[in-house]
PDB file of N, CA and C in Angstrom:
ATOM      1  N   MET A   1      98.270  97.002  88.541  1.00  0.00           N
ATOM      2  CA  MET A   1      98.988  97.765  89.393  1.00  0.00           C
ATOM      3  C   MET A   1      98.127  97.985  90.605  1.00  0.00           C
ATOM      4  N   PRO A   2      98.738  97.869  91.855  1.00  0.00           N
ATOM      5  CA  PRO A   2      97.987  98.158  93.111  1.00  0.00           C
ATOM      6  C   PRO A   2      97.640  99.631  93.212  1.00  0.00           C
ATOM      7  N   THR A   3      96.595  99.891  93.980  1.00  0.00           N
ATOM      8  CA  THR A   3      96.136 101.231  94.265  1.00  0.00           C
ATOM      9  C   THR A   3      96.059 101.416  95.714  1.00  0.00           C
ATOM     10  N   ILE A   4      95.800 102.603  96.125  1.00  0.00           N
ATOM     11  CA  ILE A   4      95.733 102.867  97.581  1.00  0.00           C
ATOM     12  C   ILE A   4      94.652 102.098  98.238  1.00  0.00           C
ATOM     13  N   LYS A   5      93.682 101.581  97.446  1.00  0.00           N
ATOM     14  CA  LYS A   5      92.705 100.650  98.067  1.00  0.00           C
ATOM     15  C   LYS A   5      93.278  99.297  98.523  1.00  0.00           C
ATOM     16  N   ASN A   6      94.473  98.920  98.078  1.00  0.00           N
ATOM     17  CA  ASN A   6      95.125  97.739  98.449  1.00  0.00           C
ATOM     18  C   ASN A   6      95.886  97.906  99.698  1.00  0.00           C
ATOM     19  N   VAL A   7      96.015  99.043 100.270  1.00  0.00           N
ATOM     20  CA  VAL A   7      96.794  99.319 101.437  1.00  0.00           C
ATOM     21  C   VAL A   7      95.830  98.763 102.613  1.00  0.00           C
ATOM     22  N   LEU A   8      96.477  97.986 103.463  1.00  0.00           N
ATOM     23  CA  LEU A   8      95.770  97.363 104.578  1.00  0.00           C
ATOM     24  C   LEU A   8      96.157  97.998 105.983  1.00  0.00           C
ATOM     25  N   VAL A   9      95.175  98.660 106.629  1.00  0.00           N
ATOM     26  CA  VAL A   9      95.416  99.343 107.936  1.00  0.00           C
ATOM     27  C   VAL A   9      94.570  98.627 109.016  1.00  0.00           C
ATOM     28  N   THR A  10      95.197  98.062 110.053  1.00  0.00           N
ATOM     29  CA  THR A  10      94.581  97.309 111.007  1.00  0.00           C
ATOM     30  C   THR A  10      95.240  97.572 112.347  1.00  0.00           C
ATOM     31  N   LYS A  11      94.751  97.159 113.487  1.00  0.00           N
ATOM     32  CA  LYS A  11      95.422  97.146 114.772  1.00  0.00           C
ATOM     33  C   LYS A  11      96.157  95.871 114.836  1.00  0.00           C
ATOM     34  N   PRO A  12      97.390  95.877 115.307  1.00  0.00           N
ATOM     35  CA  PRO A  12      98.298  94.665 115.258  1.00  0.00           C
ATOM     36  C   PRO A  12      97.772  93.591 116.346  1.00  0.00           C
ATOM     37  N   SER A  13      98.018  92.359 115.993  1.00  0.00           N
ATOM     38  CA  SER A  13      97.736  91.283 116.954  1.00  0.00           C
ATOM     39  C   SER A  13      98.929  91.318 117.954  1.00  0.00           C
ATOM     40  N   ALA A  14      98.849  90.702 119.089  1.00  0.00           N
ATOM     41  CA  ALA A  14      99.976  90.600 120.013  1.00  0.00           C
ATOM     42  C   ALA A  14     101.187  90.002 119.383  1.00  0.00           C
ATOM     43  N   ALA A  15     101.057  89.055 118.541  1.00  0.00           N
ATOM     44  CA  ALA A  15     102.152  88.450 117.814  1.00  0.00           C
ATOM     45  C   ALA A  15     102.882  89.431 116.875  1.00  0.00           C
ATOM     46  N   GLN A  16     101.934  90.247 116.107  1.00  0.00           N
ATOM     47  CA  GLN A  16     102.524  91.249 115.230  1.00  0.00           C
ATOM     48  C   GLN A  16     103.327  92.326 116.003  1.00  0.00           C
ATOM     49  N   SER A  17     102.731  92.775 117.072  1.00  0.00           N
ATOM     50  CA  SER A  17     103.477  93.796 117.921  1.00  0.00           C
ATOM     51  C   SER A  17     104.742  93.266 118.409  1.00  0.00           C
ATOM     52  N   ALA A  18     104.860  92.029 118.819  1.00  0.00           N
ATOM     53  CA  ALA A  18     106.115  91.471 119.371  1.00  0.00           C
ATOM     54  C   ALA A  18     107.119  91.379 118.187  1.00  0.00           C
ATOM     55  N   GLU A  19     106.697  90.982 117.044  1.00  0.00           N
ATOM     56  CA  GLU A  19     107.584  90.871 115.868  1.00  0.00           C
ATOM     57  C   GLU A  19     108.203  92.188 115.479  1.00  0.00           C
ATOM     58  N   CYS A  20     107.249  93.288 115.490  1.00  0.00           N
ATOM     59  CA  CYS A  20     107.638  94.606 115.000  1.00  0.00           C
ATOM     60  C   CYS A  20     108.862  95.175 115.942  1.00  0.00           C
ATOM     61  N   ARG A  21     108.934  94.786 117.219  1.00  0.00           N
ATOM     62  CA  ARG A  21     109.979  95.326 118.007  1.00  0.00           C
ATOM     63  C   ARG A  21     111.335  95.031 117.489  1.00  0.00           C
ATOM     64  N   ASN A  22     111.497  94.063 116.652  1.00  0.00           N
ATOM     65  CA  ASN A  22     112.842  93.632 116.159  1.00  0.00           C
ATOM     66  C   ASN A  22     113.221  94.360 114.921  1.00  0.00           C
ATOM     67  N   TRP A  23     112.123  94.993 114.373  1.00  0.00           N
ATOM     68  CA  TRP A  23     112.444  95.697 113.027  1.00  0.00           C
ATOM     69  C   TRP A  23     113.186  97.077 113.240  1.00  0.00           C
ATOM     70  N   PRO A  24     113.784  97.632 112.187  1.00  0.00           N
ATOM     71  CA  PRO A  24     114.393  98.914 112.308  1.00  0.00           C
ATOM     72  C   PRO A  24     113.289 100.037 112.408  1.00  0.00           C
ATOM     73  N   ILE A  25     113.780 101.171 112.851  1.00  0.00           N
ATOM     74  CA  ILE A  25     112.869 102.324 113.003  1.00  0.00           C
ATOM     75  C   ILE A  25     113.193 103.398 111.965  1.00  0.00           C
ATOM     76  N   TRP A  26     112.152 103.927 111.456  1.00  0.00           N
ATOM     77  CA  TRP A  26     112.239 105.103 110.429  1.00  0.00           C
ATOM     78  C   TRP A  26     111.503 106.265 111.050  1.00  0.00           C
ATOM     79  N   THR A  27     112.144 107.454 110.834  1.00  0.00           N
ATOM     80  CA  THR A  27     111.408 108.669 111.315  1.00  0.00           C
ATOM     81  C   THR A  27     111.344 109.666 110.119  1.00  0.00           C
ATOM     82  N   CYS A  28     110.379 110.555 110.201  1.00  0.00           N
ATOM     83  CA  CYS A  28     110.297 111.645 109.176  1.00  0.00           C
ATOM     84  C   CYS A  28     109.521 112.745 109.739  1.00  0.00           C
ATOM     85  N   GLY A  29     109.924 114.008 109.486  1.00  0.00           N
ATOM     86  CA  GLY A  29     109.123 115.227 109.889  1.00  0.00           C
ATOM     87  C   GLY A  29     108.071 115.463 108.956  1.00  0.00           C
ATOM     88  N   VAL A  30     107.273 116.472 109.313  1.00  0.00           N
ATOM     89  CA  VAL A  30     106.167 116.902 108.500  1.00  0.00           C
ATOM     90  C   VAL A  30     106.664 117.272 107.081  1.00  0.00           C
ATOM     91  N   SER A  31     106.132 116.611 106.065  1.00  0.00           N
ATOM     92  CA  SER A  31     106.547 116.695 104.697  1.00  0.00           C
ATOM     93  C   SER A  31     105.590 116.011 103.807  1.00  0.00           C
ATOM     94  N   GLN A  32     105.915 116.174 102.521  1.00  0.00           N
ATOM     95  CA  GLN A  32     105.151 115.493 101.531  1.00  0.00           C
ATOM     96  C   GLN A  32     106.165 115.017 100.395  1.00  0.00           C
ATOM     97  N   PHE A  33     106.000 113.721 100.023  1.00  0.00           N
ATOM     98  CA  PHE A  33     106.893 113.187  98.927  1.00  0.00           C
ATOM     99  C   PHE A  33     106.289 111.964  98.255  1.00  0.00           C
ATOM    100  N   GLU A  34     106.658 111.809  96.997  1.00  0.00           N
ATOM    101  CA  GLU A  34     106.222 110.655  96.218  1.00  0.00           C
ATOM    102  C   GLU A  34     107.113 109.423  96.584  1.00  0.00           C
ATOM    103  N   TRP A  35     106.438 108.224  96.592  1.00  0.00           N
ATOM    104  CA  TRP A  35     107.142 107.006  96.874  1.00  0.00           C
ATOM    105  C   TRP A  35     106.619 105.866  95.985  1.00  0.00           C
ATOM    106  N   GLU A  36     107.484 104.990  95.491  1.00  0.00           N
ATOM    107  CA  GLU A  36     106.987 103.816  94.842  1.00  0.00           C
ATOM    108  C   GLU A  36     107.594 102.571  95.573  1.00  0.00           C
ATOM    109  N   TYR A  37     106.701 101.717  95.896  1.00  0.00           N
ATOM    110  CA  TYR A  37     107.144 100.487  96.564  1.00  0.00           C
ATOM    111  C   TYR A  37     107.615  99.424  95.579  1.00  0.00           C
ATOM    112  N   THR A  38     108.811  98.965  95.834  1.00  0.00           N
ATOM    113  CA  THR A  38     109.382  97.869  94.937  1.00  0.00           C
ATOM    114  C   THR A  38     109.339  96.514  95.699  1.00  0.00           C
ATOM    115  N   GLN A  39     108.764  96.599  96.893  1.00  0.00           N
ATOM    116  CA  GLN A  39     108.611  95.388  97.787  1.00  0.00           C
ATOM    117  C   GLN A  39     107.443  95.668  98.655  1.00  0.00           C
ATOM    118  N   THR A  40     106.807  94.562  99.262  1.00  0.00           N
ATOM    119  CA  THR A  40     105.710  94.795 100.175  1.00  0.00           C
ATOM    120  C   THR A  40     106.388  95.315 101.444  1.00  0.00           C
ATOM    121  N   GLU A  41     105.738  96.228 102.055  1.00  0.00           N
ATOM    122  CA  GLU A  41     106.269  96.835 103.340  1.00  0.00           C
ATOM    123  C   GLU A  41     105.279  96.691 104.430  1.00  0.00           C
ATOM    124  N   LYS A  42     105.600  96.180 105.591  1.00  0.00           N
ATOM    125  CA  LYS A  42     104.784  96.087 106.839  1.00  0.00           C
ATOM    126  C   LYS A  42     105.393  97.149 107.744  1.00  0.00           C
ATOM    127  N   CYS A  43     104.570  97.848 108.458  1.00  0.00           N
ATOM    128  CA  CYS A  43     105.029  98.830 109.492  1.00  0.00           C
ATOM    129  C   CYS A  43     104.025  98.865 110.554  1.00  0.00           C
ATOM    130  N   LEU A  44     104.585  99.336 111.740  1.00  0.00           N
ATOM    131  CA  LEU A  44     103.858  99.722 112.912  1.00  0.00           C
ATOM    132  C   LEU A  44     104.118 101.106 113.255  1.00  0.00           C
ATOM    133  N   ILE A  45     103.070 101.905 113.312  1.00  0.00           N
ATOM    134  CA  ILE A  45     103.295 103.307 113.560  1.00  0.00           C
ATOM    135  C   ILE A  45     103.325 103.518 115.020  1.00  0.00           C
ATOM    136  N   LEU A  46     104.468 104.173 115.473  1.00  0.00           N
ATOM    137  CA  LEU A  46     104.704 104.429 116.930  1.00  0.00           C
ATOM    138  C   LEU A  46     104.360 105.843 117.257  1.00  0.00           C
ATOM    139  N   GLU A  47     104.437 106.783 116.367  1.00  0.00           N
ATOM    140  CA  GLU A  47     104.165 108.140 116.636  1.00  0.00           C
ATOM    141  C   GLU A  47     103.717 108.836 115.261  1.00  0.00           C
ATOM    142  N   GLY A  48     102.930 109.889 115.452  1.00  0.00           N
ATOM    143  CA  GLY A  48     102.538 110.715 114.269  1.00  0.00           C
ATOM    144  C   GLY A  48     101.291 110.304 113.475  1.00  0.00           C
ATOM    145  N   LYS A  49     101.008 111.057 112.434  1.00  0.00           N
ATOM    146  CA  LYS A  49      99.822 110.823 111.660  1.00  0.00           C
ATOM    147  C   LYS A  49     100.161 111.137 110.236  1.00  0.00           C
ATOM    148  N   VAL A  50      99.730 110.249 109.288  1.00  0.00           N
ATOM    149  CA  VAL A  50     100.068 110.210 107.895  1.00  0.00           C
ATOM    150  C   VAL A  50      98.885 109.998 107.022  1.00  0.00           C
ATOM    151  N   ARG A  51      98.721 110.586 105.912  1.00  0.00           N
ATOM    152  CA  ARG A  51      97.768 110.388 104.851  1.00  0.00           C
ATOM    153  C   ARG A  51      98.530 110.034 103.647  1.00  0.00           C
ATOM    154  N   VAL A  52      98.198 108.971 103.028  1.00  0.00           N
ATOM    155  CA  VAL A  52      98.855 108.509 101.759  1.00  0.00           C
ATOM    156  C   VAL A  52      97.954 108.542 100.636  1.00  0.00           C
ATOM    157  N   HIS A  53      98.278 109.310  99.525  1.00  0.00           N
ATOM    158  CA  HIS A  53      97.426 109.568  98.357  1.00  0.00           C
ATOM    159  C   HIS A  53      97.866 108.618  97.217  1.00  0.00           C
ATOM    160  N   ASP A  54      96.996 108.137  96.418  1.00  0.00           N
ATOM    161  CA  ASP A  54      97.212 107.359  95.224  1.00  0.00           C
ATOM    162  C   ASP A  54      97.866 108.340  94.290  1.00  0.00           C
ATOM    163  N   LEU A  55      98.968 107.921  93.619  1.00  0.00           N
ATOM    164  CA  LEU A  55      99.521 108.918  92.671  1.00  0.00           C
ATOM    165  C   LEU A  55      98.813 109.035  91.342  1.00  0.00           C
ATOM    166  N   VAL A  56      98.033 107.964  90.989  1.00  0.00           N
ATOM    167  CA  VAL A  56      97.263 108.011  89.784  1.00  0.00           C
ATOM    168  C   VAL A  56      95.982 108.716  90.009  1.00  0.00           C
ATOM    169  N   ASP A  57      95.251 108.454  91.180  1.00  0.00           N
ATOM    170  CA  ASP A  57      94.027 109.234  91.497  1.00  0.00           C
ATOM    171  C   ASP A  57      94.250 109.855  92.878  1.00  0.00           C
ATOM    172  N   PRO A  58      94.736 111.068  92.919  1.00  0.00           N
ATOM    173  CA  PRO A  58      95.105 111.723  94.181  1.00  0.00           C
ATOM    174  C   PRO A  58      93.856 111.878  95.152  1.00  0.00           C
ATOM    175  N   LYS A  59      92.663 111.792  94.644  1.00  0.00           N
ATOM    176  CA  LYS A  59      91.392 111.923  95.423  1.00  0.00           C
ATOM    177  C   LYS A  59      91.287 110.625  96.342  1.00  0.00           C
ATOM    178  N   GLN A  60      92.055 109.547  95.991  1.00  0.00           N
ATOM    179  CA  GLN A  60      91.878 108.291  96.769  1.00  0.00           C
ATOM    180  C   GLN A  60      93.038 108.439  97.853  1.00  0.00           C
ATOM    181  N   SER A  61      92.710 108.176  99.057  1.00  0.00           N
ATOM    182  CA  SER A  61      93.728 108.222 100.104  1.00  0.00           C
ATOM    183  C   SER A  61      93.352 107.304 101.247  1.00  0.00           C
ATOM    184  N   VAL A  62      94.469 107.028 102.030  1.00  0.00           N
ATOM    185  CA  VAL A  62      94.266 106.318 103.353  1.00  0.00           C
ATOM    186  C   VAL A  62      95.015 106.948 104.393  1.00  0.00           C
ATOM    187  N   SER A  63      94.466 107.038 105.623  1.00  0.00           N
ATOM    188  CA  SER A  63      95.092 107.711 106.694  1.00  0.00           C
ATOM    189  C   SER A  63      95.453 106.635 107.874  1.00  0.00           C
ATOM    190  N   PHE A  64      96.443 106.868 108.497  1.00  0.00           N
ATOM    191  CA  PHE A  64      96.830 105.967 109.702  1.00  0.00           C
ATOM    192  C   PHE A  64      97.616 106.798 110.684  1.00  0.00           C
ATOM    193  N   ALA A  65      97.715 106.283 111.930  1.00  0.00           N
ATOM    194  CA  ALA A  65      98.311 107.096 113.106  1.00  0.00           C
ATOM    195  C   ALA A  65      98.808 106.060 114.083  1.00  0.00           C
ATOM    196  N   VAL A  66      99.183 106.591 115.227  1.00  0.00           N
ATOM    197  CA  VAL A  66      99.799 105.787 116.249  1.00  0.00           C
ATOM    198  C   VAL A  66      98.902 104.551 116.595  1.00  0.00           C
ATOM    199  N   GLY A  67      99.661 103.401 116.583  1.00  0.00           N
ATOM    200  CA  GLY A  67      99.069 102.121 116.918  1.00  0.00           C
ATOM    201  C   GLY A  67      98.507 101.337 115.778  1.00  0.00           C
ATOM    202  N   ASP A  68      98.622 101.937 114.622  1.00  0.00           N
ATOM    203  CA  ASP A  68      98.266 101.207 113.333  1.00  0.00           C
ATOM    204  C   ASP A  68      99.188 100.303 112.806  1.00  0.00           C
ATOM    205  N   TYR A  69      98.860  99.138 112.305  1.00  0.00           N
ATOM    206  CA  TYR A  69      99.795  98.245 111.553  1.00  0.00           C
ATOM    207  C   TYR A  69      99.334  98.331 110.088  1.00  0.00           C
ATOM    208  N   VAL A  70     100.265  98.789 109.255  1.00  0.00           N
ATOM    209  CA  VAL A  70      99.934  99.079 107.856  1.00  0.00           C
ATOM    210  C   VAL A  70     100.781  98.195 106.879  1.00  0.00           C
ATOM    211  N   VAL A  71     100.089  97.675 105.842  1.00  0.00           N
ATOM    212  CA  VAL A  71     100.797  96.864 104.853  1.00  0.00           C
ATOM    213  C   VAL A  71     100.633  97.510 103.523  1.00  0.00           C
ATOM    214  N   PHE A  72     101.763  97.921 102.859  1.00  0.00           N
ATOM    215  CA  PHE A  72     101.747  98.541 101.540  1.00  0.00           C
ATOM    216  C   PHE A  72     102.135  97.467 100.472  1.00  0.00           C
ATOM    217  N   PRO A  73     101.386  97.375  99.413  1.00  0.00           N
ATOM    218  CA  PRO A  73     101.697  96.364  98.421  1.00  0.00           C
ATOM    219  C   PRO A  73     102.815  96.791  97.440  1.00  0.00           C
ATOM    220  N   ASP A  74     103.561  95.740  97.051  1.00  0.00           N
ATOM    221  CA  ASP A  74     104.630  95.845  96.008  1.00  0.00           C
ATOM    222  C   ASP A  74     103.980  96.577  94.818  1.00  0.00           C
ATOM    223  N   GLY A  75     104.664  97.606  94.274  1.00  0.00           N
ATOM    224  CA  GLY A  75     104.137  98.192  93.091  1.00  0.00           C
ATOM    225  C   GLY A  75     103.327  99.459  93.211  1.00  0.00           C
ATOM    226  N   LEU A  76     102.948  99.746  94.458  1.00  0.00           N
ATOM    227  CA  LEU A  76     102.111 100.909  94.813  1.00  0.00           C
ATOM    228  C   LEU A  76     102.971 102.199  94.470  1.00  0.00           C
ATOM    229  N   LYS A  77     102.309 103.176  93.771  1.00  0.00           N
ATOM    230  CA  LYS A  77     102.842 104.473  93.519  1.00  0.00           C
ATOM    231  C   LYS A  77     101.941 105.487  94.399  1.00  0.00           C
ATOM    232  N   CYS A  78     102.532 106.191  95.192  1.00  0.00           N
ATOM    233  CA  CYS A  78     101.755 107.058  96.147  1.00  0.00           C
ATOM    234  C   CYS A  78     102.501 108.339  96.540  1.00  0.00           C
ATOM    235  N   VAL A  79     101.825 109.145  97.163  1.00  0.00           N
ATOM    236  CA  VAL A  79     102.352 110.422  97.749  1.00  0.00           C
ATOM    237  C   VAL A  79     102.072 110.336  99.287  1.00  0.00           C
ATOM    238  N   TRP A  80     103.135 110.406 100.060  1.00  0.00           N
ATOM    239  CA  TRP A  80     103.054 110.439 101.458  1.00  0.00           C
ATOM    240  C   TRP A  80     102.830 111.873 101.978  1.00  0.00           C
ATOM    241  N   GLU A  81     101.819 112.130 102.763  1.00  0.00           N
ATOM    242  CA  GLU A  81     101.646 113.431 103.409  1.00  0.00           C
ATOM    243  C   GLU A  81     101.801 113.201 104.915  1.00  0.00           C
ATOM    244  N   VAL A  82     102.986 113.520 105.420  1.00  0.00           N
ATOM    245  CA  VAL A  82     103.198 113.360 106.850  1.00  0.00           C
ATOM    246  C   VAL A  82     102.585 114.593 107.529  1.00  0.00           C
ATOM    247  N   ILE A  83     101.524 114.369 108.280  1.00  0.00           N
ATOM    248  CA  ILE A  83     100.795 115.491 108.932  1.00  0.00           C
ATOM    249  C   ILE A  83     101.407 115.830 110.331  1.00  0.00           C
ATOM    250  N   GLU A  84     101.784 114.805 111.069  1.00  0.00           N
ATOM    251  CA  GLU A  84     102.510 114.932 112.280  1.00  0.00           C
ATOM    252  C   GLU A  84     103.678 114.120 112.194  1.00  0.00           C
ATOM    253  N   PRO A  85     104.888 114.503 112.720  1.00  0.00           N
ATOM    254  CA  PRO A  85     106.139 113.724 112.570  1.00  0.00           C
ATOM    255  C   PRO A  85     105.850 112.282 112.938  1.00  0.00           C
ATOM    256  N   VAL A  86     106.415 111.392 112.069  1.00  0.00           N
ATOM    257  CA  VAL A  86     106.111 110.016 112.188  1.00  0.00           C
ATOM    258  C   VAL A  86     107.300 109.149 112.592  1.00  0.00           C
ATOM    259  N   LYS A  87     107.124 108.163 113.403  1.00  0.00           N
ATOM    260  CA  LYS A  87     108.094 107.184 113.784  1.00  0.00           C
ATOM    261  C   LYS A  87     107.473 105.749 113.642  1.00  0.00           C
ATOM    262  N   LYS A  88     108.167 104.871 112.854  1.00  0.00           N
ATOM    263  CA  LYS A  88     107.567 103.566 112.776  1.00  0.00           C
ATOM    264  C   LYS A  88     108.714 102.434 112.663  1.00  0.00           C
ATOM    265  N   HIS A  89     108.250 101.287 113.110  1.00  0.00           N
ATOM    266  CA  HIS A  89     109.009 100.036 112.814  1.00  0.00           C
ATOM    267  C   HIS A  89     108.564  99.688 111.441  1.00  0.00           C
ATOM    268  N   TYR A  90     109.532  99.142 110.646  1.00  0.00           N
ATOM    269  CA  TYR A  90     109.226  98.768 109.210  1.00  0.00           C
ATOM    270  C   TYR A  90     109.965  97.506 108.935  1.00  0.00           C
ATOM    271  N   ASP A  91     109.460  96.708 107.993  1.00  0.00           N
ATOM    272  CA  ASP A  91     110.048  95.499 107.379  1.00  0.00           C
ATOM    273  C   ASP A  91     109.577  95.359 105.928  1.00  0.00           C
ATOM    274  N   PHE A  92     110.580  95.172 105.110  1.00  0.00           N
ATOM    275  CA  PHE A  92     110.311  94.856 103.724  1.00  0.00           C
ATOM    276  C   PHE A  92     110.376  93.319 103.499  1.00  0.00           C
ATOM    277  N   GLU A  93     109.460  92.811 102.688  1.00  0.00           N
ATOM    278  CA  GLU A  93     109.427  91.440 102.352  1.00  0.00           C
ATOM    279  C   GLU A  93     110.288  91.191 101.130  1.00  0.00           C
TER     280      GLU A  93
END
């Protein structure tokens, strides 16, 4: 089973940024919630700041913010902590 260590956070290439513009947009206010990925998700953060904690080991976390390109693996169980309201382009594989 994937863990938070399998989440990839990078700066997008020009091609990735262009591709993301065609994806839907998701927004969320400051909050905290559990999430389980049933597919791989790719997203580009347009606004906000988020910390995602591993559900099995909550001490393990990854943070990302405006301008980050994030890939969440299929099967990841985590807790989203939205620190600043988030807006992102997203795509499920």
